[in-house]
Amino acid sequence: MNIGEVSGRSGLPTKTIRYYEDIGLIHPNRSGNGYRAFSETDLHKLVFLGRARALGFSIEDCRTLLALYEDDSRESAQVKAVAQGHLAQIDAKIAQLRSMRETLSTLVASCQGDNRPDCPILRDLAGAADDQK
């Protein structure tokens, strides 16, 4: 398969596929004229990587997961540890987003939103900048 075909079948842009090759996640063969020639195995890896990235795994996590996937002697505990680490990061991000939402919601509720110049949102933002000095 050429890069256009593997892109269509994997759902990944050609630029992403080239990037994955550049960083060593996939290793397509090269034909005599230098064109990439992708196998079904390459396609399967690209689908795997696309799904892992859609779940928010980092490139390094994807590298680890792909290595574990290809290792028949792996222990599922190794895979679970990577996934648990990522889940903890997601939980931390959700907590941070909830805190941000609560703060912003309070600020929006305290702003009259009328034609007067007084704005508690701007006052709070300016106070946060003053605190960092």
N, C-alpha and C. Protein backbone atom coordinates (compact mmCIF):
# COMPACT_ATOMS: atom_id res chain seq x y z
N MET A 1 0.84 -1.18 0.00
CA MET A 1 0.00 0.00 0.00
C MET A 1 0.88 1.24 0.00
N ASN A 2 0.43 2.27 -0.69
CA ASN A 2 1.15 3.53 -0.63
C ASN A 2 0.61 4.36 0.54
N ILE A 3 1.23 5.50 0.79
CA ILE A 3 0.87 6.29 1.96
C ILE A 3 -0.56 6.82 1.87
N GLY A 4 -1.02 7.14 0.68
CA GLY A 4 -2.40 7.62 0.53
C GLY A 4 -3.42 6.55 0.89
N GLU A 5 -3.16 5.34 0.46
CA GLU A 5 -4.08 4.24 0.75
C GLU A 5 -4.08 3.91 2.24
N VAL A 6 -2.89 3.83 2.83
CA VAL A 6 -2.82 3.50 4.26
C VAL A 6 -3.41 4.65 5.10
N SER A 7 -3.29 5.86 4.61
CA SER A 7 -3.91 7.00 5.29
C SER A 7 -5.43 6.85 5.28
N GLY A 8 -5.98 6.53 4.13
CA GLY A 8 -7.43 6.36 4.03
C GLY A 8 -7.95 5.21 4.88
N ARG A 9 -7.21 4.13 4.90
CA ARG A 9 -7.66 2.95 5.66
C ARG A 9 -7.45 3.11 7.16
N SER A 10 -6.44 3.85 7.57
CA SER A 10 -6.17 4.02 9.00
C SER A 10 -6.90 5.21 9.60
N GLY A 11 -7.29 6.15 8.73
CA GLY A 11 -7.93 7.37 9.23
C GLY A 11 -6.94 8.41 9.71
N LEU A 12 -5.66 8.19 9.48
CA LEU A 12 -4.62 9.13 9.92
C LEU A 12 -4.14 9.96 8.73
N PRO A 13 -3.87 11.23 8.96
CA PRO A 13 -3.32 12.06 7.88
C PRO A 13 -1.93 11.57 7.46
N THR A 14 -1.58 11.80 6.22
CA THR A 14 -0.27 11.38 5.73
C THR A 14 0.85 12.05 6.53
N LYS A 15 0.65 13.27 6.94
CA LYS A 15 1.66 13.99 7.73
C LYS A 15 1.94 13.25 9.05
N THR A 16 0.89 12.75 9.69
CA THR A 16 1.04 11.99 10.93
C THR A 16 1.79 10.69 10.68
N ILE A 17 1.47 10.03 9.59
CA ILE A 17 2.13 8.77 9.25
C ILE A 17 3.62 9.01 9.03
N ARG A 18 3.95 10.07 8.31
CA ARG A 18 5.36 10.40 8.09
C ARG A 18 6.06 10.69 9.42
N TYR A 19 5.36 11.42 10.30
CA TYR A 19 5.92 11.73 11.62
C TYR A 19 6.18 10.44 12.41
N TYR A 20 5.22 9.53 12.42
CA TYR A 20 5.40 8.27 13.13
C TYR A 20 6.59 7.49 12.57
N GLU A 21 6.80 7.59 11.26
CA GLU A 21 7.98 6.94 10.68
C GLU A 21 9.25 7.67 11.14
N ASP A 22 9.23 8.99 11.11
CA ASP A 22 10.41 9.78 11.50
C ASP A 22 10.86 9.49 12.93
N ILE A 23 9.90 9.26 13.83
CA ILE A 23 10.26 9.02 15.23
C ILE A 23 10.39 7.52 15.55
N GLY A 24 10.28 6.69 14.52
CA GLY A 24 10.55 5.27 14.68
C GLY A 24 9.43 4.42 15.23
N LEU A 25 8.20 4.90 15.16
CA LEU A 25 7.07 4.08 15.62
C LEU A 25 6.68 3.03 14.58
N ILE A 26 6.86 3.37 13.32
CA ILE A 26 6.59 2.42 12.25
C ILE A 26 7.81 2.40 11.32
N HIS A 27 7.93 1.31 10.59
CA HIS A 27 9.08 1.14 9.71
C HIS A 27 8.63 0.55 8.37
N PRO A 28 7.97 1.36 7.52
CA PRO A 28 7.54 0.82 6.23
C PRO A 28 8.75 0.51 5.36
N ASN A 29 8.57 -0.43 4.46
CA ASN A 29 9.62 -0.73 3.49
C ASN A 29 9.69 0.39 2.48
N ARG A 30 10.82 0.49 1.81
CA ARG A 30 10.98 1.47 0.73
C ARG A 30 11.17 0.70 -0.57
N SER A 31 10.45 1.14 -1.57
CA SER A 31 10.60 0.50 -2.88
C SER A 31 11.88 1.02 -3.53
N GLY A 32 12.22 0.48 -4.67
CA GLY A 32 13.44 0.88 -5.37
C GLY A 32 13.49 2.35 -5.69
N ASN A 33 12.33 2.96 -5.91
CA ASN A 33 12.30 4.39 -6.23
C ASN A 33 12.16 5.26 -4.97
N GLY A 34 12.21 4.64 -3.78
CA GLY A 34 12.18 5.40 -2.54
C GLY A 34 10.81 5.61 -1.94
N TYR A 35 9.77 5.16 -2.62
CA TYR A 35 8.42 5.31 -2.08
C TYR A 35 8.19 4.36 -0.91
N ARG A 36 7.40 4.82 0.03
CA ARG A 36 7.03 3.96 1.16
C ARG A 36 6.08 2.88 0.69
N ALA A 37 6.30 1.68 1.18
CA ALA A 37 5.41 0.55 0.87
C ALA A 37 4.94 -0.03 2.21
N PHE A 38 3.67 0.19 2.53
CA PHE A 38 3.11 -0.24 3.81
C PHE A 38 2.48 -1.61 3.70
N SER A 39 2.70 -2.41 4.73
CA SER A 39 2.11 -3.75 4.81
C SER A 39 0.84 -3.70 5.65
N GLU A 40 0.14 -4.81 5.70
CA GLU A 40 -1.03 -4.91 6.57
C GLU A 40 -0.61 -4.73 8.04
N THR A 41 0.57 -5.22 8.38
CA THR A 41 1.07 -5.05 9.75
C THR A 41 1.28 -3.58 10.06
N ASP A 42 1.84 -2.82 9.10
CA ASP A 42 2.01 -1.38 9.29
C ASP A 42 0.66 -0.70 9.48
N LEU A 43 -0.31 -1.09 8.67
CA LEU A 43 -1.66 -0.54 8.79
C LEU A 43 -2.22 -0.82 10.18
N HIS A 44 -2.06 -2.05 10.64
CA HIS A 44 -2.57 -2.44 11.95
C HIS A 44 -1.92 -1.59 13.05
N LYS A 45 -0.61 -1.36 12.95
CA LYS A 45 0.09 -0.52 13.93
C LYS A 45 -0.42 0.91 13.89
N LEU A 46 -0.69 1.41 12.70
CA LEU A 46 -1.19 2.78 12.58
C LEU A 46 -2.58 2.92 13.20
N VAL A 47 -3.43 1.93 12.99
CA VAL A 47 -4.76 1.95 13.61
C VAL A 47 -4.61 1.91 15.13
N PHE A 48 -3.73 1.05 15.61
CA PHE A 48 -3.42 0.94 17.04
C PHE A 48 -2.97 2.30 17.59
N LEU A 49 -2.02 2.93 16.90
CA LEU A 49 -1.50 4.22 17.34
C LEU A 49 -2.58 5.30 17.30
N GLY A 50 -3.40 5.27 16.27
CA GLY A 50 -4.48 6.25 16.17
C GLY A 50 -5.46 6.14 17.33
N ARG A 51 -5.79 4.92 17.69
CA ARG A 51 -6.71 4.69 18.81
C ARG A 51 -6.07 5.11 20.13
N ALA A 52 -4.80 4.76 20.31
CA ALA A 52 -4.10 5.14 21.55
C ALA A 52 -3.99 6.65 21.67
N ARG A 53 -3.68 7.32 20.57
CA ARG A 53 -3.58 8.79 20.61
C ARG A 53 -4.96 9.41 20.87
N ALA A 54 -6.02 8.82 20.30
CA ALA A 54 -7.38 9.33 20.53
C ALA A 54 -7.76 9.22 22.00
N LEU A 55 -7.18 8.24 22.70
CA LEU A 55 -7.42 8.10 24.14
C LEU A 55 -6.48 8.98 24.96
N GLY A 56 -5.64 9.75 24.27
CA GLY A 56 -4.80 10.73 24.95
C GLY A 56 -3.44 10.22 25.40
N PHE A 57 -3.06 9.01 25.02
CA PHE A 57 -1.74 8.52 25.40
C PHE A 57 -0.67 9.35 24.71
N SER A 58 0.41 9.63 25.42
CA SER A 58 1.53 10.36 24.86
C SER A 58 2.25 9.50 23.83
N ILE A 59 3.10 10.14 23.06
CA ILE A 59 3.90 9.39 22.08
C ILE A 59 4.75 8.34 22.79
N GLU A 60 5.36 8.70 23.91
CA GLU A 60 6.19 7.73 24.63
C GLU A 60 5.35 6.58 25.19
N ASP A 61 4.15 6.90 25.68
CA ASP A 61 3.24 5.83 26.12
C ASP A 61 2.87 4.93 24.94
N CYS A 62 2.64 5.53 23.78
CA CYS A 62 2.31 4.75 22.59
C CYS A 62 3.48 3.84 22.22
N ARG A 63 4.69 4.36 22.33
CA ARG A 63 5.87 3.56 22.03
C ARG A 63 5.93 2.35 22.97
N THR A 64 5.67 2.61 24.25
CA THR A 64 5.67 1.54 25.25
C THR A 64 4.57 0.53 24.98
N LEU A 65 3.36 1.03 24.72
CA LEU A 65 2.23 0.14 24.47
C LEU A 65 2.43 -0.69 23.21
N LEU A 66 2.97 -0.08 22.18
CA LEU A 66 3.22 -0.81 20.95
C LEU A 66 4.26 -1.90 21.17
N ALA A 67 5.31 -1.59 21.94
CA ALA A 67 6.33 -2.59 22.26
C ALA A 67 5.71 -3.74 23.06
N LEU A 68 4.86 -3.40 24.00
CA LEU A 68 4.20 -4.44 24.79
C LEU A 68 3.26 -5.27 23.92
N TYR A 69 2.55 -4.62 23.02
CA TYR A 69 1.64 -5.32 22.12
C TYR A 69 2.39 -6.34 21.27
N GLU A 70 3.59 -5.96 20.85
CA GLU A 70 4.37 -6.84 19.98
C GLU A 70 5.15 -7.90 20.75
N ASP A 71 5.18 -7.80 22.08
CA ASP A 71 5.95 -8.72 22.93
C ASP A 71 5.03 -9.82 23.45
N ASP A 72 5.18 -11.01 22.93
CA ASP A 72 4.33 -12.13 23.35
C ASP A 72 4.60 -12.54 24.80
N SER A 73 5.74 -12.16 25.35
CA SER A 73 6.06 -12.53 26.73
C SER A 73 5.67 -11.44 27.73
N ARG A 74 4.95 -10.43 27.26
CA ARG A 74 4.55 -9.33 28.15
C ARG A 74 3.62 -9.84 29.24
N GLU A 75 3.56 -9.06 30.30
CA GLU A 75 2.58 -9.33 31.36
C GLU A 75 1.52 -8.25 31.28
N SER A 76 0.29 -8.62 31.43
CA SER A 76 -0.78 -7.63 31.34
C SER A 76 -0.63 -6.55 32.41
N ALA A 77 0.06 -6.89 33.51
CA ALA A 77 0.29 -5.90 34.56
C ALA A 77 1.10 -4.72 34.04
N GLN A 78 1.99 -4.97 33.09
CA GLN A 78 2.78 -3.89 32.50
C GLN A 78 1.89 -2.94 31.71
N VAL A 79 0.98 -3.51 30.95
CA VAL A 79 0.05 -2.71 30.16
C VAL A 79 -0.87 -1.93 31.09
N LYS A 80 -1.36 -2.60 32.11
CA LYS A 80 -2.27 -1.96 33.06
C LYS A 80 -1.58 -0.79 33.76
N ALA A 81 -0.30 -0.94 34.10
CA ALA A 81 0.43 0.13 34.78
C ALA A 81 0.51 1.38 33.90
N VAL A 82 0.75 1.20 32.62
CA VAL A 82 0.80 2.35 31.70
C VAL A 82 -0.57 3.01 31.64
N ALA A 83 -1.62 2.20 31.51
CA ALA A 83 -2.98 2.73 31.42
C ALA A 83 -3.39 3.41 32.73
N GLN A 84 -3.02 2.84 33.86
CA GLN A 84 -3.35 3.46 35.15
C GLN A 84 -2.64 4.80 35.32
N GLY A 85 -1.41 4.87 34.88
CA GLY A 85 -0.68 6.14 34.95
C GLY A 85 -1.37 7.20 34.12
N HIS A 86 -1.81 6.83 32.94
CA HIS A 86 -2.51 7.78 32.07
C HIS A 86 -3.86 8.17 32.67
N LEU A 87 -4.56 7.20 33.25
CA LEU A 87 -5.84 7.49 33.89
C LEU A 87 -5.67 8.47 35.04
N ALA A 88 -4.60 8.33 35.81
CA ALA A 88 -4.33 9.27 36.90
C ALA A 88 -4.11 10.68 36.36
N GLN A 89 -3.41 10.77 35.23
CA GLN A 89 -3.21 12.09 34.61
C GLN A 89 -4.53 12.69 34.15
N ILE A 90 -5.40 11.87 33.59
CA ILE A 90 -6.71 12.35 33.15
C ILE A 90 -7.52 12.82 34.35
N ASP A 91 -7.51 12.05 35.43
CA ASP A 91 -8.25 12.44 36.64
C ASP A 91 -7.74 13.77 37.19
N ALA A 92 -6.43 13.95 37.18
CA ALA A 92 -5.85 15.21 37.67
C ALA A 92 -6.28 16.37 36.78
N LYS A 93 -6.30 16.14 35.48
CA LYS A 93 -6.71 17.19 34.55
C LYS A 93 -8.19 17.53 34.74
N ILE A 94 -9.01 16.51 34.97
CA ILE A 94 -10.44 16.75 35.20
C ILE A 94 -10.63 17.57 36.47
N ALA A 95 -9.89 17.25 37.52
CA ALA A 95 -9.99 18.01 38.77
C ALA A 95 -9.59 19.46 38.55
N GLN A 96 -8.52 19.65 37.78
CA GLN A 96 -8.06 21.01 37.48
C GLN A 96 -9.13 21.76 36.67
N LEU A 97 -9.72 21.11 35.68
CA LEU A 97 -10.76 21.75 34.88
C LEU A 97 -11.99 22.08 35.71
N ARG A 98 -12.36 21.20 36.63
CA ARG A 98 -13.51 21.48 37.51
C ARG A 98 -13.24 22.71 38.38
N SER A 99 -12.03 22.80 38.90
CA SER A 99 -11.65 23.95 39.72
C SER A 99 -11.68 25.23 38.89
N MET A 100 -11.15 25.15 37.68
CA MET A 100 -11.17 26.32 36.79
C MET A 100 -12.60 26.73 36.47
N ARG A 101 -13.44 25.74 36.23
CA ARG A 101 -14.84 26.04 35.91
C ARG A 101 -15.55 26.70 37.09
N GLU A 102 -15.30 26.19 38.27
CA GLU A 102 -15.94 26.75 39.46
C GLU A 102 -15.51 28.20 39.66
N THR A 103 -14.23 28.48 39.52
CA THR A 103 -13.73 29.85 39.68
C THR A 103 -14.33 30.76 38.62
N LEU A 104 -14.29 30.33 37.38
CA LEU A 104 -14.81 31.16 36.29
C LEU A 104 -16.32 31.35 36.42
N SER A 105 -17.02 30.33 36.83
CA SER A 105 -18.46 30.43 37.02
C SER A 105 -18.80 31.48 38.09
N THR A 106 -18.04 31.47 39.18
CA THR A 106 -18.23 32.45 40.25
C THR A 106 -17.96 33.86 39.73
N LEU A 107 -16.90 34.01 38.96
CA LEU A 107 -16.57 35.33 38.41
C LEU A 107 -17.65 35.82 37.45
N VAL A 108 -18.11 34.95 36.58
CA VAL A 108 -19.15 35.33 35.62
C VAL A 108 -20.42 35.73 36.37
N ALA A 109 -20.78 34.99 37.39
CA ALA A 109 -21.99 35.30 38.17
C ALA A 109 -21.86 36.64 38.89
N SER A 110 -20.64 37.01 39.27
CA SER A 110 -20.45 38.26 40.02
C SER A 110 -20.36 39.48 39.11
N CYS A 111 -20.26 39.28 37.82
CA CYS A 111 -20.16 40.40 36.87
C CYS A 111 -21.56 40.82 36.42
N GLN A 112 -21.85 42.09 36.52
CA GLN A 112 -23.17 42.60 36.13
C GLN A 112 -23.38 42.53 34.62
N GLY A 113 -22.31 42.63 33.86
CA GLY A 113 -22.43 42.56 32.41
C GLY A 113 -23.24 43.70 31.83
N ASP A 114 -23.13 44.87 32.43
CA ASP A 114 -23.88 46.03 31.95
C ASP A 114 -22.93 47.03 31.29
N ASN A 115 -23.36 48.29 31.21
CA ASN A 115 -22.54 49.29 30.53
C ASN A 115 -21.56 50.01 31.46
N ARG A 116 -21.48 49.59 32.70
CA ARG A 116 -20.53 50.20 33.63
C ARG A 116 -19.15 49.56 33.43
N PRO A 117 -18.08 50.29 33.74
CA PRO A 117 -16.73 49.75 33.52
C PRO A 117 -16.28 48.74 34.60
N ASP A 118 -16.91 48.75 35.75
CA ASP A 118 -16.50 47.85 36.82
C ASP A 118 -16.72 46.40 36.40
N CYS A 119 -15.66 45.60 36.52
CA CYS A 119 -15.77 44.20 36.10
C CYS A 119 -14.97 43.31 37.05
N PRO A 120 -15.65 42.50 37.85
CA PRO A 120 -14.95 41.62 38.78
C PRO A 120 -14.06 40.58 38.09
N ILE A 121 -14.39 40.23 36.86
CA ILE A 121 -13.57 39.26 36.13
C ILE A 121 -12.19 39.85 35.87
N LEU A 122 -12.17 41.07 35.32
CA LEU A 122 -10.88 41.73 35.05
C LEU A 122 -10.13 42.03 36.34
N ARG A 123 -10.85 42.42 37.37
CA ARG A 123 -10.22 42.71 38.66
C ARG A 123 -9.54 41.46 39.22
N ASP A 124 -10.21 40.32 39.11
CA ASP A 124 -9.62 39.07 39.59
C ASP A 124 -8.40 38.68 38.76
N LEU A 125 -8.50 38.81 37.45
CA LEU A 125 -7.37 38.47 36.58
C LEU A 125 -6.17 39.37 36.88
N ALA A 126 -6.44 40.65 37.09
CA ALA A 126 -5.35 41.58 37.40
C ALA A 126 -4.76 41.26 38.76
N GLY A 127 -5.59 40.83 39.70
CA GLY A 127 -5.08 40.44 41.02
C GLY A 127 -4.21 39.22 40.95
N ALA A 128 -4.57 38.28 40.08
CA ALA A 128 -3.75 37.07 39.91
C ALA A 128 -2.39 37.43 39.33
N ALA A 129 -2.36 38.42 38.42
CA ALA A 129 -1.09 38.87 37.83
C ALA A 129 -0.26 39.59 38.89
N ASP A 130 -0.92 40.38 39.73
CA ASP A 130 -0.20 41.08 40.81
C ASP A 130 0.40 40.09 41.80
N ASP A 131 -0.31 38.97 42.04
CA ASP A 131 0.18 37.97 43.00
C ASP A 131 1.46 37.29 42.50
N GLN A 132 1.66 37.25 41.19
CA GLN A 132 2.81 36.56 40.63
C GLN A 132 4.06 37.42 40.60
N LYS A 133 3.94 38.69 40.88
CA LYS A 133 5.11 39.59 40.86
C LYS A 133 6.01 39.34 42.05
